[in-house]
C-alpha atoms as a PDB file:
ATOM      1  CA  MET A   1       0.000   0.000   0.000  1.00  0.00           C
ATOM      2  CA  GLU A   2       1.349   3.427  -0.961  1.00  0.00           C
ATOM      3  CA  TYR A   3       0.492   6.548   0.989  1.00  0.00           C
ATOM      4  CA  HIS A   4       0.780   9.948  -0.650  1.00  0.00           C
ATOM      5  CA  LEU A   5       0.880  13.156   1.328  1.00  0.00           C
ATOM      6  CA  GLU A   6      -1.353  15.505  -0.673  1.00  0.00           C
ATOM      7  CA  VAL A   7      -2.271  18.443   1.585  1.00  0.00           C
ATOM      8  CA  VAL A   8      -1.063  20.088   4.780  1.00  0.00           C
ATOM      9  CA  THR A   9      -3.496  22.471   6.510  1.00  0.00           C
ATOM     10  CA  LEU A  10      -2.008  25.635   8.008  1.00  0.00           C
ATOM     11  CA  PRO A  11      -3.920  27.680  10.582  1.00  0.00           C
ATOM     12  CA  VAL A  12      -4.003  31.389   9.702  1.00  0.00           C
ATOM     13  CA  SER A  13      -5.810  34.421  11.084  1.00  0.00           C
ATOM     14  CA  ASP A  14      -6.356  36.307   7.807  1.00  0.00           C
ATOM     15  CA  VAL A  15      -6.915  34.100   4.763  1.00  0.00           C
ATOM     16  CA  ASP A  16      -6.462  36.886   2.192  1.00  0.00           C
ATOM     17  CA  ARG A  17      -3.210  38.085   3.774  1.00  0.00           C
ATOM     18  CA  ALA A  18      -1.833  34.546   3.988  1.00  0.00           C
ATOM     19  CA  ALA A  19      -2.858  33.720   0.401  1.00  0.00           C
ATOM     20  CA  ALA A  20      -1.159  36.887  -0.869  1.00  0.00           C
ATOM     21  CA  PHE A  21       2.011  35.995   1.058  1.00  0.00           C
ATOM     22  CA  TYR A  22       2.193  32.484  -0.351  1.00  0.00           C
ATOM     23  CA  VAL A  23       1.390  33.517  -3.943  1.00  0.00           C
ATOM     24  CA  GLU A  24       3.173  36.878  -4.244  1.00  0.00           C
ATOM     25  CA  LYS A  25       6.164  36.342  -1.984  1.00  0.00           C
ATOM     26  CA  VAL A  26       6.799  32.605  -1.767  1.00  0.00           C
ATOM     27  CA  GLY A  27       5.695  31.838  -5.337  1.00  0.00           C
ATOM     28  CA  PHE A  28       3.104  29.136  -4.672  1.00  0.00           C
ATOM     29  CA  THR A  29       0.392  28.547  -7.288  1.00  0.00           C
ATOM     30  CA  LEU A  30      -3.198  29.291  -6.289  1.00  0.00           C
ATOM     31  CA  ASP A  31      -5.120  26.106  -7.123  1.00  0.00           C
ATOM     32  CA  VAL A  32      -8.489  26.665  -5.450  1.00  0.00           C
ATOM     33  CA  ASP A  33     -10.295  29.447  -3.618  1.00  0.00           C
ATOM     34  CA  TYR A  34     -13.653  27.979  -2.648  1.00  0.00           C
ATOM     35  CA  HIS A  35     -15.850  30.191  -0.469  1.00  0.00           C
ATOM     36  CA  PRO A  36     -19.440  28.887  -0.392  1.00  0.00           C
ATOM     37  CA  SER A  37     -20.374  30.605   2.898  1.00  0.00           C
ATOM     38  CA  THR A  38     -19.097  33.030   5.511  1.00  0.00           C
ATOM     39  CA  ASP A  39     -18.283  30.077   7.793  1.00  0.00           C
ATOM     40  CA  PHE A  40     -16.279  28.055   5.290  1.00  0.00           C
ATOM     41  CA  ARG A  41     -13.486  28.837   2.864  1.00  0.00           C
ATOM     42  CA  VAL A  42     -10.683  26.700   1.520  1.00  0.00           C
ATOM     43  CA  VAL A  43      -7.708  28.087  -0.365  1.00  0.00           C
ATOM     44  CA  GLN A  44      -5.322  25.504  -1.772  1.00  0.00           C
ATOM     45  CA  LEU A  45      -1.818  26.502  -2.861  1.00  0.00           C
ATOM     46  CA  THR A  46       1.030  24.422  -4.281  1.00  0.00           C
ATOM     47  CA  PRO A  47       4.772  25.073  -4.197  1.00  0.00           C
ATOM     48  CA  PRO A  48       6.385  24.991  -7.661  1.00  0.00           C
ATOM     49  CA  GLY A  49       7.204  21.389  -8.588  1.00  0.00           C
ATOM     50  CA  SER A  50       5.536  19.882  -5.512  1.00  0.00           C
ATOM     51  CA  ALA A  51       3.083  16.989  -5.356  1.00  0.00           C
ATOM     52  CA  CYS A  52       1.876  18.247  -1.957  1.00  0.00           C
ATOM     53  CA  SER A  53      -0.190  21.390  -1.433  1.00  0.00           C
ATOM     54  CA  ILE A  54      -1.147  23.507   1.542  1.00  0.00           C
ATOM     55  CA  GLN A  55      -4.637  24.601   2.521  1.00  0.00           C
ATOM     56  CA  ILE A  56      -5.583  27.709   4.448  1.00  0.00           C
ATOM     57  CA  GLY A  57      -9.048  28.962   5.130  1.00  0.00           C
ATOM     58  CA  THR A  58     -12.003  29.305   7.435  1.00  0.00           C
ATOM     59  CA  GLY A  59     -13.573  26.316   9.171  1.00  0.00           C
ATOM     60  CA  LEU A  60     -10.702  23.970   8.316  1.00  0.00           C
ATOM     61  CA  THR A  61      -8.903  23.549  11.637  1.00  0.00           C
ATOM     62  CA  GLU A  62      -9.201  24.470  15.285  1.00  0.00           C
ATOM     63  CA  ALA A  63      -5.421  24.839  15.631  1.00  0.00           C
ATOM     64  CA  PRO A  64      -4.347  28.347  16.632  1.00  0.00           C
ATOM     65  CA  PRO A  65      -2.968  30.565  13.846  1.00  0.00           C
ATOM     66  CA  GLY A  66       0.795  30.270  13.556  1.00  0.00           C
ATOM     67  CA  SER A  67       1.053  26.935  15.367  1.00  0.00           C
ATOM     68  CA  THR A  68       2.425  24.840  12.486  1.00  0.00           C
ATOM     69  CA  ARG A  69       6.158  24.274  12.899  1.00  0.00           C
ATOM     70  CA  SER A  70       8.984  23.197  10.616  1.00  0.00           C
ATOM     71  CA  THR A  71       7.204  22.294   7.407  1.00  0.00           C
ATOM     72  CA  TYR A  72      10.006  21.400   4.986  1.00  0.00           C
ATOM     73  CA  LEU A  73      10.447  22.726   1.460  1.00  0.00           C
ATOM     74  CA  ILE A  74      13.120  20.736  -0.352  1.00  0.00           C
ATOM     75  CA  VAL A  75      15.263  22.592  -2.893  1.00  0.00           C
ATOM     76  CA  THR A  76      18.192  21.593  -5.092  1.00  0.00           C
ATOM     77  CA  ASP A  77      20.012  24.919  -4.661  1.00  0.00           C
ATOM     78  CA  ILE A  78      19.575  26.505  -1.259  1.00  0.00           C
ATOM     79  CA  GLU A  79      21.530  29.646  -2.143  1.00  0.00           C
ATOM     80  CA  THR A  80      19.294  30.351  -5.138  1.00  0.00           C
ATOM     81  CA  ALA A  81      16.120  29.529  -3.196  1.00  0.00           C
ATOM     82  CA  ARG A  82      17.122  31.871  -0.363  1.00  0.00           C
ATOM     83  CA  ARG A  83      18.019  34.653  -2.782  1.00  0.00           C
ATOM     84  CA  GLU A  84      14.740  34.327  -4.734  1.00  0.00           C
ATOM     85  CA  LEU A  85      12.627  34.385  -1.579  1.00  0.00           C
ATOM     86  CA  SER A  86      14.560  37.336  -0.163  1.00  0.00           C
ATOM     87  CA  GLU A  87      14.142  39.267  -3.416  1.00  0.00           C
ATOM     88  CA  ARG A  88      10.381  38.719  -3.160  1.00  0.00           C
ATOM     89  CA  GLY A  89      10.357  40.200   0.337  1.00  0.00           C
ATOM     90  CA  VAL A  90      10.421  37.043   2.478  1.00  0.00           C
ATOM     91  CA  ASP A  91      12.547  37.382   5.607  1.00  0.00           C
ATOM     92  CA  VAL A  92      14.698  34.250   5.282  1.00  0.00           C
ATOM     93  CA  SER A  93      17.281  33.285   7.873  1.00  0.00           C
ATOM     94  CA  ASP A  94      20.946  33.043   7.045  1.00  0.00           C
ATOM     95  CA  LEU A  95      22.072  29.735   5.595  1.00  0.00           C
ATOM     96  CA  ARG A  96      23.480  27.149   7.996  1.00  0.00           C
ATOM     97  CA  HIS A  97      24.768  23.611   7.767  1.00  0.00           C
ATOM     98  CA  LYS A  98      25.138  20.667  10.099  1.00  0.00           C
ATOM     99  CA  ALA A  99      28.508  20.478  11.803  1.00  0.00           C
ATOM    100  CA  PRO A 100      30.179  18.151  12.172  1.00  0.00           C
ATOM    101  CA  ILE A 101      28.039  16.304   9.654  1.00  0.00           C
ATOM    102  CA  ASP A 102      29.598  12.864  10.128  1.00  0.00           C
ATOM    103  CA  ASP A 103      28.778  12.831  13.842  1.00  0.00           C
ATOM    104  CA  TRP A 104      25.999  15.417  13.971  1.00  0.00           C
ATOM    105  CA  LYS A 105      24.576  16.144  17.383  1.00  0.00           C
ATOM    106  CA  GLY A 106      22.686  19.327  16.592  1.00  0.00           C
ATOM    107  CA  GLY A 107      25.562  21.727  15.913  1.00  0.00           C
ATOM    108  CA  TRP A 108      25.571  24.310  13.125  1.00  0.00           C
ATOM    109  CA  ARG A 109      28.012  26.417  11.139  1.00  0.00           C
ATOM    110  CA  PRO A 110      27.154  29.386   8.929  1.00  0.00           C
ATOM    111  CA  GLY A 111      26.658  29.015   5.177  1.00  0.00           C
ATOM    112  CA  PRO A 112      25.782  26.022   3.048  1.00  0.00           C
ATOM    113  CA  ASP A 113      27.597  22.734   3.571  1.00  0.00           C
ATOM    114  CA  PRO A 114      30.987  23.180   1.839  1.00  0.00           C
ATOM    115  CA  GLU A 115      30.532  19.835   0.044  1.00  0.00           C
ATOM    116  CA  ARG A 116      26.809  20.483  -0.635  1.00  0.00           C
ATOM    117  CA  ARG A 117      25.874  17.092   0.791  1.00  0.00           C
ATOM    118  CA  ASN A 118      22.221  16.065   0.885  1.00  0.00           C
ATOM    119  CA  TYR A 119      20.231  16.976   3.985  1.00  0.00           C
ATOM    120  CA  ALA A 120      23.014  19.188   5.362  1.00  0.00           C
ATOM    121  CA  SER A 121      22.095  22.819   4.440  1.00  0.00           C
ATOM    122  CA  PHE A 122      19.149  24.790   5.789  1.00  0.00           C
ATOM    123  CA  ALA A 123      17.386  28.158   6.071  1.00  0.00           C
ATOM    124  CA  ASP A 124      14.073  29.159   7.681  1.00  0.00           C
ATOM    125  CA  PHE A 125      11.224  31.615   7.220  1.00  0.00           C
ATOM    126  CA  THR A 126       7.807  32.260   8.715  1.00  0.00           C
ATOM    127  CA  ASP A 127       4.479  33.281   7.254  1.00  0.00           C
ATOM    128  CA  PRO A 128       2.600  36.355   8.563  1.00  0.00           C
ATOM    129  CA  ASP A 129       0.990  34.270  11.328  1.00  0.00           C
ATOM    130  CA  GLY A 130       4.211  32.618  12.506  1.00  0.00           C
ATOM    131  CA  ASN A 131       3.884  29.203  10.841  1.00  0.00           C
ATOM    132  CA  THR A 132       7.488  28.159  10.279  1.00  0.00           C
ATOM    133  CA  TRP A 133       9.097  26.702   7.171  1.00  0.00           C
ATOM    134  CA  VAL A 134      12.468  25.021   6.692  1.00  0.00           C
ATOM    135  CA  LEU A 135      14.345  25.052   3.388  1.00  0.00           C
ATOM    136  CA  GLN A 136      16.562  21.990   3.031  1.00  0.00           C
ATOM    137  CA  GLU A 137      18.924  21.249   0.177  1.00  0.00           C
ATOM    138  CA  ILE A 138      18.821  17.810  -1.458  1.00  0.00           C
ATOM    139  CA  GLY A 139      20.239  16.883  -4.858  1.00  0.00           C
ATOM    140  CA  HIS A 140      22.479  19.886  -5.475  1.00  0.00           C
ATOM    141  CA  ARG A 141      24.356  19.685  -8.783  1.00  0.00           C
ATOM    142  CA  PRO A 142      27.009  22.367  -9.252  1.00  0.00           C
ATOM    143  CA  GLY A 143      26.745  24.366 -12.451  1.00  0.00           C
ATOM    144  CA  THR A 144      23.105  23.486 -13.234  1.00  0.00           C
END
């Protein structure tokens, strides 16, 4: 049996503000904005190239706005991803990498992993409500 993660629901306080952030600043695609009543609205957005989407809205979750932590976005070039998000106005943390990677116990050093190893380089950002995101580099190929 295969299981496919299709949607992650994020709790937000202002659906329009959050949708604008994800579309205009983070670059997600708006897939659906269904608003049949004042008590229910679902906005589905998908990161470029992703098979998994996020949903924000009204009447979707009882979780407090901003309570989702460390949702990962995987990228093949963390420096480019950070630069693109920053240029769009997203406040992205500085890059960091696991150190020492071979015996990692939670330590970090600034910048991307010098060898650009998979799962070693990270950056973070938050949405307007405080939901946190982690960029992680996997599959980096120099010069592509």
